[in-house]
Amino acid sequence: MATVKQIQLRLQRSKKKLTGLNKEVTATKGNIKKLESELKKAKAADKAAKAKKKKLVAKKKPVAKKKSVAKKKTAAKRKPASKKK
């Protein structure tokens, strides 16, 4: 059977270990919250980038159709005025 001093020593060690683990748990929870907020921001940024890409594609102006230019008939060559004798 354990003595009172041994039990007290074990109890102190257990409490010390528990406080250390509690600190670790709270630190881990804080890290998890930070990472979750970063993930949220990254997702929002990614979504915005995708939306921006889609808008850029949609904003392209249609290419104007080329107007068909009617070909001009070449003017008939004038004959030099013949001199009458």
C-alpha atoms as a PDB file:
ATOM      1  CA  MET A   1       0.000   0.000   0.000  1.00  0.00           C
ATOM      2  CA  ALA A   2       1.203   3.506  -0.934  1.00  0.00           C
ATOM      3  CA  THR A   3       1.988   6.032   1.720  1.00  0.00           C
ATOM      4  CA  VAL A   4       0.307   9.432   1.988  1.00  0.00           C
ATOM      5  CA  LYS A   5       3.441  11.211   0.719  1.00  0.00           C
ATOM      6  CA  GLN A   6       3.620   8.949  -2.357  1.00  0.00           C
ATOM      7  CA  ILE A   7      -0.033   9.570  -3.176  1.00  0.00           C
ATOM      8  CA  GLN A   8       0.441  13.336  -2.739  1.00  0.00           C
ATOM      9  CA  LEU A   9       3.487  13.239  -5.023  1.00  0.00           C
ATOM     10  CA  ARG A  10       1.577  11.345  -7.724  1.00  0.00           C
ATOM     11  CA  LEU A  11      -1.358  13.728  -7.369  1.00  0.00           C
ATOM     12  CA  GLN A  12       0.931  16.759  -7.788  1.00  0.00           C
ATOM     13  CA  ARG A  13       2.564  15.246 -10.854  1.00  0.00           C
ATOM     14  CA  SER A  14      -0.810  14.438 -12.360  1.00  0.00           C
ATOM     15  CA  LYS A  15      -2.084  17.977 -11.743  1.00  0.00           C
ATOM     16  CA  LYS A  16       1.091  19.438 -13.235  1.00  0.00           C
ATOM     17  CA  LYS A  17       0.747  17.201 -16.278  1.00  0.00           C
ATOM     18  CA  LEU A  18      -2.932  18.160 -16.610  1.00  0.00           C
ATOM     19  CA  THR A  19      -2.189  21.905 -16.512  1.00  0.00           C
ATOM     20  CA  GLY A  20       0.533  21.444 -19.116  1.00  0.00           C
ATOM     21  CA  LEU A  21      -1.830  19.525 -21.375  1.00  0.00           C
ATOM     22  CA  ASN A  22      -4.593  22.108 -20.873  1.00  0.00           C
ATOM     23  CA  LYS A  23      -2.209  24.844 -21.980  1.00  0.00           C
ATOM     24  CA  GLU A  24      -1.295  22.767 -25.008  1.00  0.00           C
ATOM     25  CA  VAL A  25      -4.959  22.170 -25.828  1.00  0.00           C
ATOM     26  CA  THR A  26      -5.817  25.865 -25.620  1.00  0.00           C
ATOM     27  CA  ALA A  27      -2.806  26.726 -27.793  1.00  0.00           C
ATOM     28  CA  THR A  28      -3.854  24.093 -30.318  1.00  0.00           C
ATOM     29  CA  LYS A  29      -7.417  25.454 -30.355  1.00  0.00           C
ATOM     30  CA  GLY A  30      -6.049  28.921 -31.045  1.00  0.00           C
ATOM     31  CA  ASN A  31      -3.925  27.586 -33.909  1.00  0.00           C
ATOM     32  CA  ILE A  32      -6.934  25.772 -35.335  1.00  0.00           C
ATOM     33  CA  LYS A  33      -8.998  28.966 -35.279  1.00  0.00           C
ATOM     34  CA  LYS A  34      -6.221  30.898 -37.020  1.00  0.00           C
ATOM     35  CA  LEU A  35      -5.872  28.245 -39.698  1.00  0.00           C
ATOM     36  CA  GLU A  36      -9.633  28.097 -40.242  1.00  0.00           C
ATOM     37  CA  SER A  37      -9.800  31.865 -40.706  1.00  0.00           C
ATOM     38  CA  GLU A  38      -6.881  31.739 -43.161  1.00  0.00           C
ATOM     39  CA  LEU A  39      -8.628  28.956 -45.056  1.00  0.00           C
ATOM     40  CA  LYS A  40     -11.808  31.017 -45.230  1.00  0.00           C
ATOM     41  CA  LYS A  41      -9.896  34.001 -46.597  1.00  0.00           C
ATOM     42  CA  ALA A  42      -8.041  31.834 -49.122  1.00  0.00           C
ATOM     43  CA  LYS A  43     -11.293  30.307 -50.355  1.00  0.00           C
ATOM     44  CA  ALA A  44     -12.857  33.747 -50.730  1.00  0.00           C
ATOM     45  CA  ALA A  45      -9.809  34.997 -52.645  1.00  0.00           C
ATOM     46  CA  ASP A  46      -9.870  31.938 -54.893  1.00  0.00           C
ATOM     47  CA  LYS A  47     -13.564  32.386 -55.549  1.00  0.00           C
ATOM     48  CA  ALA A  48     -13.027  36.058 -56.379  1.00  0.00           C
ATOM     49  CA  ALA A  49     -10.198  35.188 -58.753  1.00  0.00           C
ATOM     50  CA  LYS A  50     -12.370  32.661 -60.569  1.00  0.00           C
ATOM     51  CA  ALA A  51     -15.228  35.164 -60.815  1.00  0.00           C
ATOM     52  CA  LYS A  52     -12.841  37.791 -62.171  1.00  0.00           C
ATOM     53  CA  LYS A  53     -11.575  35.354 -64.810  1.00  0.00           C
ATOM     54  CA  LYS A  54     -15.127  34.579 -65.879  1.00  0.00           C
ATOM     55  CA  LYS A  55     -15.979  38.290 -66.097  1.00  0.00           C
ATOM     56  CA  LEU A  56     -12.913  38.977 -68.233  1.00  0.00           C
ATOM     57  CA  VAL A  57     -13.969  36.322 -70.698  1.00  0.00           C
ATOM     58  CA  ALA A  58     -17.532  37.622 -70.787  1.00  0.00           C
ATOM     59  CA  LYS A  59     -16.443  41.219 -71.349  1.00  0.00           C
ATOM     60  CA  LYS A  60     -14.646  40.532 -74.629  1.00  0.00           C
ATOM     61  CA  LYS A  61     -16.123  42.670 -77.358  1.00  0.00           C
ATOM     62  CA  PRO A  62     -17.333  40.854 -80.437  1.00  0.00           C
ATOM     63  CA  VAL A  63     -15.185  41.446 -83.458  1.00  0.00           C
ATOM     64  CA  ALA A  64     -16.933  43.765 -85.912  1.00  0.00           C
ATOM     65  CA  LYS A  65     -17.763  42.140 -89.183  1.00  0.00           C
ATOM     66  CA  LYS A  66     -15.833  43.464 -92.092  1.00  0.00           C
ATOM     67  CA  LYS A  67     -17.983  45.446 -94.445  1.00  0.00           C
ATOM     68  CA  SER A  68     -17.904  44.181 -97.956  1.00  0.00           C
ATOM     69  CA  VAL A  69     -16.518  46.921-100.098  1.00  0.00           C
ATOM     70  CA  ALA A  70     -18.072  47.139-103.525  1.00  0.00           C
ATOM     71  CA  LYS A  71     -15.350  46.992-106.094  1.00  0.00           C
ATOM     72  CA  LYS A  72     -15.182  50.092-108.211  1.00  0.00           C
ATOM     73  CA  LYS A  73     -15.253  49.528-111.882  1.00  0.00           C
ATOM     74  CA  THR A  74     -12.160  50.785-113.526  1.00  0.00           C
ATOM     75  CA  ALA A  75     -12.968  53.854-115.539  1.00  0.00           C
ATOM     76  CA  ALA A  76     -12.988  53.157-119.247  1.00  0.00           C
ATOM     77  CA  LYS A  77      -9.873  54.458-120.843  1.00  0.00           C
ATOM     78  CA  ARG A  78     -10.505  57.492-122.890  1.00  0.00           C
ATOM     79  CA  LYS A  79      -9.405  57.437-126.381  1.00  0.00           C
ATOM     80  CA  PRO A  80      -7.352  60.428-127.282  1.00  0.00           C
ATOM     81  CA  ALA A  81      -9.409  62.844-129.325  1.00  0.00           C
ATOM     82  CA  SER A  82      -8.501  62.227-132.913  1.00  0.00           C
ATOM     83  CA  LYS A  83      -7.499  65.274-134.796  1.00  0.00           C
ATOM     84  CA  LYS A  84      -9.602  65.949-137.836  1.00  0.00           C
ATOM     85  CA  LYS A  85      -7.767  66.970-140.948  1.00  0.00           C
END
